[in-house]
Amino acid sequence: YSFILLLGLVLLLAACGSDQASDTTAQNSEDTN
């Protein structure tokens, strides 16, 4: 559980620094689908 929590925090921090890129990727993925 601690590993999963730690992994979640790392991913959250990474996401905070790349929201715009993620949004763009998600939109591109949606358009592709």
PDB file of all heavy atoms in Angstrom:
ATOM      1  N   TYR A   1       0.825  -1.196   0.000  1.00  0.00           N
ATOM      2  CA  TYR A   1       0.000   0.000   0.000  1.00  0.00           C
ATOM      3  C   TYR A   1       0.867   1.256   0.000  1.00  0.00           C
ATOM      4  O   TYR A   1       0.560   2.250  -0.666  1.00  0.00           O
ATOM      5  CB  TYR A   1      -0.919   0.002   1.218  1.00  0.00           C
ATOM      6  CG  TYR A   1      -2.089  -0.952   1.107  1.00  0.00           C
ATOM      7  CD1 TYR A   1      -2.609  -1.548   2.237  1.00  0.00           C
ATOM      8  CD2 TYR A   1      -2.660  -1.247  -0.115  1.00  0.00           C
ATOM      9  CE1 TYR A   1      -3.680  -2.437   2.151  1.00  0.00           C
ATOM     10  CE2 TYR A   1      -3.718  -2.127  -0.211  1.00  0.00           C
ATOM     11  CZ  TYR A   1      -4.229  -2.726   0.919  1.00  0.00           C
ATOM     12  OH  TYR A   1      -5.273  -3.599   0.823  1.00  0.00           O
ATOM     13  N   SER A   2       1.986   1.224   0.751  1.00  0.00           N
ATOM     14  CA  SER A   2       2.876   2.381   0.805  1.00  0.00           C
ATOM     15  C   SER A   2       3.493   2.650  -0.562  1.00  0.00           C
ATOM     16  O   SER A   2       3.632   3.782  -1.004  1.00  0.00           O
ATOM     17  CB  SER A   2       3.980   2.136   1.837  1.00  0.00           C
ATOM     18  OG  SER A   2       3.424   1.977   3.111  1.00  0.00           O
ATOM     19  N   PHE A   3       3.858   1.561  -1.257  1.00  0.00           N
ATOM     20  CA  PHE A   3       4.438   1.698  -2.598  1.00  0.00           C
ATOM     21  C   PHE A   3       3.442   2.306  -3.573  1.00  0.00           C
ATOM     22  O   PHE A   3       3.777   3.196  -4.355  1.00  0.00           O
ATOM     23  CB  PHE A   3       4.919   0.341  -3.100  1.00  0.00           C
ATOM     24  CG  PHE A   3       5.456   0.384  -4.511  1.00  0.00           C
ATOM     25  CD1 PHE A   3       6.718   0.864  -4.768  1.00  0.00           C
ATOM     26  CD2 PHE A   3       4.665  -0.050  -5.567  1.00  0.00           C
ATOM     27  CE1 PHE A   3       7.202   0.914  -6.061  1.00  0.00           C
ATOM     28  CE2 PHE A   3       5.153  -0.003  -6.847  1.00  0.00           C
ATOM     29  CZ  PHE A   3       6.423   0.483  -7.104  1.00  0.00           C
ATOM     30  N   ILE A   4       2.212   1.831  -3.486  1.00  0.00           N
ATOM     31  CA  ILE A   4       1.173   2.357  -4.373  1.00  0.00           C
ATOM     32  C   ILE A   4       0.925   3.832  -4.084  1.00  0.00           C
ATOM     33  O   ILE A   4       0.778   4.646  -4.990  1.00  0.00           O
ATOM     34  CB  ILE A   4      -0.130   1.539  -4.216  1.00  0.00           C
ATOM     35  CG1 ILE A   4       0.091   0.101  -4.723  1.00  0.00           C
ATOM     36  CG2 ILE A   4      -1.284   2.206  -4.961  1.00  0.00           C
ATOM     37  CD1 ILE A   4      -1.084  -0.818  -4.483  1.00  0.00           C
ATOM     38  N   LEU A   5       0.900   4.191  -2.765  1.00  0.00           N
ATOM     39  CA  LEU A   5       0.684   5.577  -2.392  1.00  0.00           C
ATOM     40  C   LEU A   5       1.815   6.456  -2.889  1.00  0.00           C
ATOM     41  O   LEU A   5       1.599   7.538  -3.424  1.00  0.00           O
ATOM     42  CB  LEU A   5       0.556   5.689  -0.863  1.00  0.00           C
ATOM     43  CG  LEU A   5       0.349   7.106  -0.295  1.00  0.00           C
ATOM     44  CD1 LEU A   5      -0.914   7.720  -0.887  1.00  0.00           C
ATOM     45  CD2 LEU A   5       0.278   7.061   1.228  1.00  0.00           C
ATOM     46  N   LEU A   6       3.066   5.968  -2.697  1.00  0.00           N
ATOM     47  CA  LEU A   6       4.228   6.725  -3.154  1.00  0.00           C
ATOM     48  C   LEU A   6       4.203   6.895  -4.667  1.00  0.00           C
ATOM     49  O   LEU A   6       4.470   7.984  -5.187  1.00  0.00           O
ATOM     50  CB  LEU A   6       5.505   5.998  -2.729  1.00  0.00           C
ATOM     51  CG  LEU A   6       6.835   6.636  -3.197  1.00  0.00           C
ATOM     52  CD1 LEU A   6       6.962   8.047  -2.626  1.00  0.00           C
ATOM     53  CD2 LEU A   6       8.016   5.782  -2.752  1.00  0.00           C
ATOM     54  N   LEU A   7       3.882   5.823  -5.363  1.00  0.00           N
ATOM     55  CA  LEU A   7       3.798   5.898  -6.827  1.00  0.00           C
ATOM     56  C   LEU A   7       2.745   6.899  -7.261  1.00  0.00           C
ATOM     57  O   LEU A   7       2.935   7.673  -8.195  1.00  0.00           O
ATOM     58  CB  LEU A   7       3.486   4.510  -7.402  1.00  0.00           C
ATOM     59  CG  LEU A   7       3.362   4.422  -8.927  1.00  0.00           C
ATOM     60  CD1 LEU A   7       4.644   4.856  -9.603  1.00  0.00           C
ATOM     61  CD2 LEU A   7       2.983   3.011  -9.353  1.00  0.00           C
ATOM     62  N   GLY A   8       1.629   6.905  -6.529  1.00  0.00           N
ATOM     63  CA  GLY A   8       0.567   7.852  -6.847  1.00  0.00           C
ATOM     64  C   GLY A   8       1.016   9.284  -6.667  1.00  0.00           C
ATOM     65  O   GLY A   8       0.707  10.166  -7.476  1.00  0.00           O
ATOM     66  N   LEU A   9       1.764   9.570  -5.610  1.00  0.00           N
ATOM     67  CA  LEU A   9       2.256  10.922  -5.369  1.00  0.00           C
ATOM     68  C   LEU A   9       3.236  11.353  -6.452  1.00  0.00           C
ATOM     69  O   LEU A   9       3.216  12.490  -6.915  1.00  0.00           O
ATOM     70  CB  LEU A   9       2.932  10.982  -3.985  1.00  0.00           C
ATOM     71  CG  LEU A   9       1.986  10.880  -2.784  1.00  0.00           C
ATOM     72  CD1 LEU A   9       2.802  10.796  -1.492  1.00  0.00           C
ATOM     73  CD2 LEU A   9       1.037  12.066  -2.732  1.00  0.00           C
ATOM     74  N   VAL A  10       4.122  10.436  -6.847  1.00  0.00           N
ATOM     75  CA  VAL A  10       5.076  10.749  -7.910  1.00  0.00           C
ATOM     76  C   VAL A  10       4.356  11.094  -9.203  1.00  0.00           C
ATOM     77  O   VAL A  10       4.671  12.068  -9.882  1.00  0.00           O
ATOM     78  CB  VAL A  10       6.043   9.570  -8.134  1.00  0.00           C
ATOM     79  CG1 VAL A  10       6.895   9.803  -9.372  1.00  0.00           C
ATOM     80  CG2 VAL A  10       6.926   9.375  -6.912  1.00  0.00           C
ATOM     81  N   LEU A  11       3.369  10.264  -9.530  1.00  0.00           N
ATOM     82  CA  LEU A  11       2.606  10.514 -10.758  1.00  0.00           C
ATOM     83  C   LEU A  11       1.845  11.826 -10.683  1.00  0.00           C
ATOM     84  O   LEU A  11       1.713  12.547 -11.667  1.00  0.00           O
ATOM     85  CB  LEU A  11       1.647   9.349 -11.030  1.00  0.00           C
ATOM     86  CG  LEU A  11       2.308   8.008 -11.367  1.00  0.00           C
ATOM     87  CD1 LEU A  11       1.249   6.924 -11.491  1.00  0.00           C
ATOM     88  CD2 LEU A  11       3.124   8.112 -12.641  1.00  0.00           C
ATOM     89  N   LEU A  12       1.326  12.125  -9.467  1.00  0.00           N
ATOM     90  CA  LEU A  12       0.582  13.367  -9.292  1.00  0.00           C
ATOM     91  C   LEU A  12       1.488  14.569  -9.500  1.00  0.00           C
ATOM     92  O   LEU A  12       1.121  15.529 -10.171  1.00  0.00           O
ATOM     93  CB  LEU A  12      -0.042  13.403  -7.894  1.00  0.00           C
ATOM     94  CG  LEU A  12      -0.831  14.685  -7.541  1.00  0.00           C
ATOM     95  CD1 LEU A  12      -1.984  14.871  -8.525  1.00  0.00           C
ATOM     96  CD2 LEU A  12      -1.351  14.608  -6.112  1.00  0.00           C
ATOM     97  N   LEU A  13       2.696  14.528  -8.934  1.00  0.00           N
ATOM     98  CA  LEU A  13       3.643  15.622  -9.096  1.00  0.00           C
ATOM     99  C   LEU A  13       4.037  15.780 -10.559  1.00  0.00           C
ATOM    100  O   LEU A  13       4.165  16.888 -11.070  1.00  0.00           O
ATOM    101  CB  LEU A  13       4.890  15.375  -8.229  1.00  0.00           C
ATOM    102  CG  LEU A  13       4.681  15.486  -6.710  1.00  0.00           C
ATOM    103  CD1 LEU A  13       5.945  15.058  -5.974  1.00  0.00           C
ATOM    104  CD2 LEU A  13       4.304  16.906  -6.312  1.00  0.00           C
ATOM    105  N   ALA A  14       4.249  14.643 -11.202  1.00  0.00           N
ATOM    106  CA  ALA A  14       4.613  14.704 -12.624  1.00  0.00           C
ATOM    107  C   ALA A  14       3.480  15.294 -13.455  1.00  0.00           C
ATOM    108  O   ALA A  14       3.705  16.066 -14.378  1.00  0.00           O
ATOM    109  CB  ALA A  14       4.961  13.309 -13.121  1.00  0.00           C
ATOM    110  N   ALA A  15       2.251  14.933 -13.070  1.00  0.00           N
ATOM    111  CA  ALA A  15       1.092  15.439 -13.812  1.00  0.00           C
ATOM    112  C   ALA A  15       0.938  16.933 -13.633  1.00  0.00           C
ATOM    113  O   ALA A  15       0.556  17.644 -14.555  1.00  0.00           O
ATOM    114  CB  ALA A  15      -0.168  14.713 -13.347  1.00  0.00           C
ATOM    115  N   CYS A  16       1.237  17.416 -12.432  1.00  0.00           N
ATOM    116  CA  CYS A  16       1.105  18.850 -12.164  1.00  0.00           C
ATOM    117  C   CYS A  16       2.035  19.659 -13.051  1.00  0.00           C
ATOM    118  O   CYS A  16       1.749  20.795 -13.396  1.00  0.00           O
ATOM    119  CB  CYS A  16       1.415  19.146 -10.691  1.00  0.00           C
ATOM    120  SG  CYS A  16       0.147  18.524  -9.563  1.00  0.00           S
ATOM    121  N   GLY A  17       3.191  19.068 -13.400  1.00  0.00           N
ATOM    122  CA  GLY A  17       4.142  19.785 -14.217  1.00  0.00           C
ATOM    123  C   GLY A  17       3.885  19.647 -15.698  1.00  0.00           C
ATOM    124  O   GLY A  17       4.605  20.244 -16.493  1.00  0.00           O
ATOM    125  N   SER A  18       2.896  18.830 -16.048  1.00  0.00           N
ATOM    126  CA  SER A  18       2.669  18.601 -17.493  1.00  0.00           C
ATOM    127  C   SER A  18       1.188  18.500 -17.830  1.00  0.00           C
ATOM    128  O   SER A  18       0.788  17.694 -18.647  1.00  0.00           O
ATOM    129  CB  SER A  18       3.376  17.328 -17.929  1.00  0.00           C
ATOM    130  OG  SER A  18       2.907  16.225 -17.173  1.00  0.00           O
ATOM    131  N   ASP A  19       0.362  19.329 -17.157  1.00  0.00           N
ATOM    132  CA  ASP A  19      -1.087  19.298 -17.409  1.00  0.00           C
ATOM    133  C   ASP A  19      -1.392  19.599 -18.864  1.00  0.00           C
ATOM    134  O   ASP A  19      -2.206  18.951 -19.493  1.00  0.00           O
ATOM    135  CB  ASP A  19      -1.807  20.320 -16.513  1.00  0.00           C
ATOM    136  CG  ASP A  19      -1.958  19.787 -15.101  1.00  0.00           C
ATOM    137  OD1 ASP A  19      -1.767  18.567 -14.920  1.00  0.00           O
ATOM    138  OD2 ASP A  19      -2.252  20.585 -14.193  1.00  0.00           O
ATOM    139  N   GLN A  20      -0.705  20.622 -19.371  1.00  0.00           N
ATOM    140  CA  GLN A  20      -1.013  21.029 -20.739  1.00  0.00           C
ATOM    141  C   GLN A  20      -0.671  19.930 -21.738  1.00  0.00           C
ATOM    142  O   GLN A  20      -1.422  19.640 -22.655  1.00  0.00           O
ATOM    143  CB  GLN A  20      -0.249  22.304 -21.083  1.00  0.00           C
ATOM    144  CG  GLN A  20      -0.611  22.858 -22.474  1.00  0.00           C
ATOM    145  CD  GLN A  20       0.050  24.196 -22.726  1.00  0.00           C
ATOM    146  OE1 GLN A  20       0.768  24.712 -21.875  1.00  0.00           O
ATOM    147  NE2 GLN A  20      -0.202  24.755 -23.895  1.00  0.00           N
ATOM    148  N   ALA A  21       0.494  19.305 -21.515  1.00  0.00           N
ATOM    149  CA  ALA A  21       0.886  18.222 -22.420  1.00  0.00           C
ATOM    150  C   ALA A  21      -0.076  17.061 -22.329  1.00  0.00           C
ATOM    151  O   ALA A  21      -0.442  16.449 -23.332  1.00  0.00           O
ATOM    152  CB  ALA A  21       2.305  17.760 -22.078  1.00  0.00           C
ATOM    153  N   SER A  22      -0.537  16.761 -21.090  1.00  0.00           N
ATOM    154  CA  SER A  22      -1.478  15.653 -20.908  1.00  0.00           C
ATOM    155  C   SER A  22      -2.794  15.944 -21.595  1.00  0.00           C
ATOM    156  O   SER A  22      -3.390  15.079 -22.229  1.00  0.00           O
ATOM    157  CB  SER A  22      -1.707  15.404 -19.413  1.00  0.00           C
ATOM    158  OG  SER A  22      -0.509  15.017 -18.782  1.00  0.00           O
ATOM    159  N   ASP A  23      -3.275  17.200 -21.441  1.00  0.00           N
ATOM    160  CA  ASP A  23      -4.542  17.574 -22.075  1.00  0.00           C
ATOM    161  C   ASP A  23      -4.433  17.430 -23.583  1.00  0.00           C
ATOM    162  O   ASP A  23      -5.339  16.945 -24.252  1.00  0.00           O
ATOM    163  CB  ASP A  23      -4.920  19.019 -21.714  1.00  0.00           C
ATOM    164  CG  ASP A  23      -5.304  19.147 -20.246  1.00  0.00           C
ATOM    165  OD1 ASP A  23      -5.581  18.103 -19.614  1.00  0.00           O
ATOM    166  OD2 ASP A  23      -5.322  20.288 -19.743  1.00  0.00           O
ATOM    167  N   THR A  24      -3.272  17.876 -24.112  1.00  0.00           N
ATOM    168  CA  THR A  24      -3.078  17.781 -25.558  1.00  0.00           C
ATOM    169  C   THR A  24      -3.047  16.334 -26.012  1.00  0.00           C
ATOM    170  O   THR A  24      -3.660  15.955 -27.010  1.00  0.00           O
ATOM    171  CB  THR A  24      -1.764  18.477 -25.958  1.00  0.00           C
ATOM    172  OG1 THR A  24      -1.809  19.838 -25.543  1.00  0.00           O
ATOM    173  CG2 THR A  24      -1.552  18.397 -27.470  1.00  0.00           C
ATOM    174  N   THR A  25      -2.316  15.503 -25.234  1.00  0.00           N
ATOM    175  CA  THR A  25      -2.233  14.081 -25.573  1.00  0.00           C
ATOM    176  C   THR A  25      -3.594  13.413 -25.513  1.00  0.00           C
ATOM    177  O   THR A  25      -3.959  12.631 -26.379  1.00  0.00           O
ATOM    178  CB  THR A  25      -1.273  13.366 -24.609  1.00  0.00           C
ATOM    179  OG1 THR A  25       0.008  13.977 -24.688  1.00  0.00           O
ATOM    180  CG2 THR A  25      -1.157  11.883 -24.965  1.00  0.00           C
ATOM    181  N   ALA A  26      -4.376  13.759 -24.461  1.00  0.00           N
ATOM    182  CA  ALA A  26      -5.710  13.174 -24.312  1.00  0.00           C
ATOM    183  C   ALA A  26      -6.609  13.567 -25.470  1.00  0.00           C
ATOM    184  O   ALA A  26      -7.359  12.754 -26.000  1.00  0.00           O
ATOM    185  CB  ALA A  26      -6.328  13.609 -22.991  1.00  0.00           C
ATOM    186  N   GLN A  27      -6.512  14.855 -25.848  1.00  0.00           N
ATOM    187  CA  GLN A  27      -7.349  15.327 -26.948  1.00  0.00           C
ATOM    188  C   GLN A  27      -6.962  14.632 -28.243  1.00  0.00           C
ATOM    189  O   GLN A  27      -7.807  14.210 -29.036  1.00  0.00           O
ATOM    190  CB  GLN A  27      -7.199  16.851 -27.102  1.00  0.00           C
ATOM    191  CG  GLN A  27      -8.091  17.448 -28.206  1.00  0.00           C
ATOM    192  CD  GLN A  27      -9.558  17.243 -27.916  1.00  0.00           C
ATOM    193  OE1 GLN A  27     -10.029  17.549 -26.818  1.00  0.00           O
ATOM    194  NE2 GLN A  27     -10.290  16.710 -28.872  1.00  0.00           N
ATOM    195  N   ASN A  28      -5.639  14.503 -28.462  1.00  0.00           N
ATOM    196  CA  ASN A  28      -5.171  13.821 -29.662  1.00  0.00           C
ATOM    197  C   ASN A  28      -5.636  12.374 -29.678  1.00  0.00           C
ATOM    198  O   ASN A  28      -6.015  11.838 -30.721  1.00  0.00           O
ATOM    199  CB  ASN A  28      -3.644  13.874 -29.738  1.00  0.00           C
ATOM    200  CG  ASN A  28      -3.130  15.273 -30.044  1.00  0.00           C
ATOM    201  OD1 ASN A  28      -3.887  16.113 -30.527  1.00  0.00           O
ATOM    202  ND2 ASN A  28      -1.861  15.527 -29.759  1.00  0.00           N
ATOM    203  N   SER A  29      -5.574  11.730 -28.506  1.00  0.00           N
ATOM    204  CA  SER A  29      -6.016  10.342 -28.419  1.00  0.00           C
ATOM    205  C   SER A  29      -7.493  10.219 -28.717  1.00  0.00           C
ATOM    206  O   SER A  29      -7.934   9.321 -29.428  1.00  0.00           O
ATOM    207  CB  SER A  29      -5.714   9.794 -27.022  1.00  0.00           C
ATOM    208  OG  SER A  29      -6.184   8.471 -26.893  1.00  0.00           O
ATOM    209  N   GLU A  30      -8.285  11.183 -28.175  1.00  0.00           N
ATOM    210  CA  GLU A  30      -9.729  11.156 -28.412  1.00  0.00           C
ATOM    211  C   GLU A  30     -10.037  11.372 -29.874  1.00  0.00           C
ATOM    212  O   GLU A  30     -10.874  10.684 -30.457  1.00  0.00           O
ATOM    213  CB  GLU A  30     -10.397  12.244 -27.570  1.00  0.00           C
ATOM    214  CG  GLU A  30     -11.911  12.277 -27.702  1.00  0.00           C
ATOM    215  CD  GLU A  30     -12.548  13.350 -26.827  1.00  0.00           C
ATOM    216  OE1 GLU A  30     -11.870  13.800 -25.879  1.00  0.00           O
ATOM    217  OE2 GLU A  30     -13.707  13.703 -27.087  1.00  0.00           O
ATOM    218  N   ASP A  31      -9.319  12.337 -30.494  1.00  0.00           N
ATOM    219  CA  ASP A  31      -9.528  12.598 -31.913  1.00  0.00           C
ATOM    220  C   ASP A  31      -9.152  11.389 -32.754  1.00  0.00           C
ATOM    221  O   ASP A  31      -9.818  11.053 -33.735  1.00  0.00           O
ATOM    222  CB  ASP A  31      -8.694  13.809 -32.357  1.00  0.00           C
ATOM    223  CG  ASP A  31      -9.193  15.105 -31.729  1.00  0.00           C
ATOM    224  OD1 ASP A  31     -10.342  15.107 -31.232  1.00  0.00           O
ATOM    225  OD2 ASP A  31      -8.431  16.092 -31.727  1.00  0.00           O
ATOM    226  N   THR A  32      -8.041  10.732 -32.367  1.00  0.00           N
ATOM    227  CA  THR A  32      -7.601   9.547 -33.103  1.00  0.00           C
ATOM    228  C   THR A  32      -8.620   8.430 -33.014  1.00  0.00           C
ATOM    229  O   THR A  32      -8.943   7.769 -34.007  1.00  0.00           O
ATOM    230  CB  THR A  32      -6.253   9.055 -32.550  1.00  0.00           C
ATOM    231  OG1 THR A  32      -5.285  10.100 -32.688  1.00  0.00           O
ATOM    232  CG2 THR A  32      -5.783   7.809 -33.312  1.00  0.00           C
ATOM    233  N   ASN A  33      -9.179   8.217 -31.796  1.00  0.00           N
ATOM    234  CA  ASN A  33     -10.188   7.171 -31.616  1.00  0.00           C
ATOM    235  C   ASN A  33     -11.432   7.453 -32.438  1.00  0.00           C
ATOM    236  O   ASN A  33     -12.013   6.553 -33.045  1.00  0.00           O
ATOM    237  CB  ASN A  33     -10.556   7.042 -30.142  1.00  0.00           C
ATOM    238  CG  ASN A  33      -9.424   6.454 -29.315  1.00  0.00           C
ATOM    239  OD1 ASN A  33      -8.549   5.781 -29.847  1.00  0.00           O
ATOM    240  ND2 ASN A  33      -9.432   6.725 -28.017  1.00  0.00           N
TER     241      ASN A  33
END
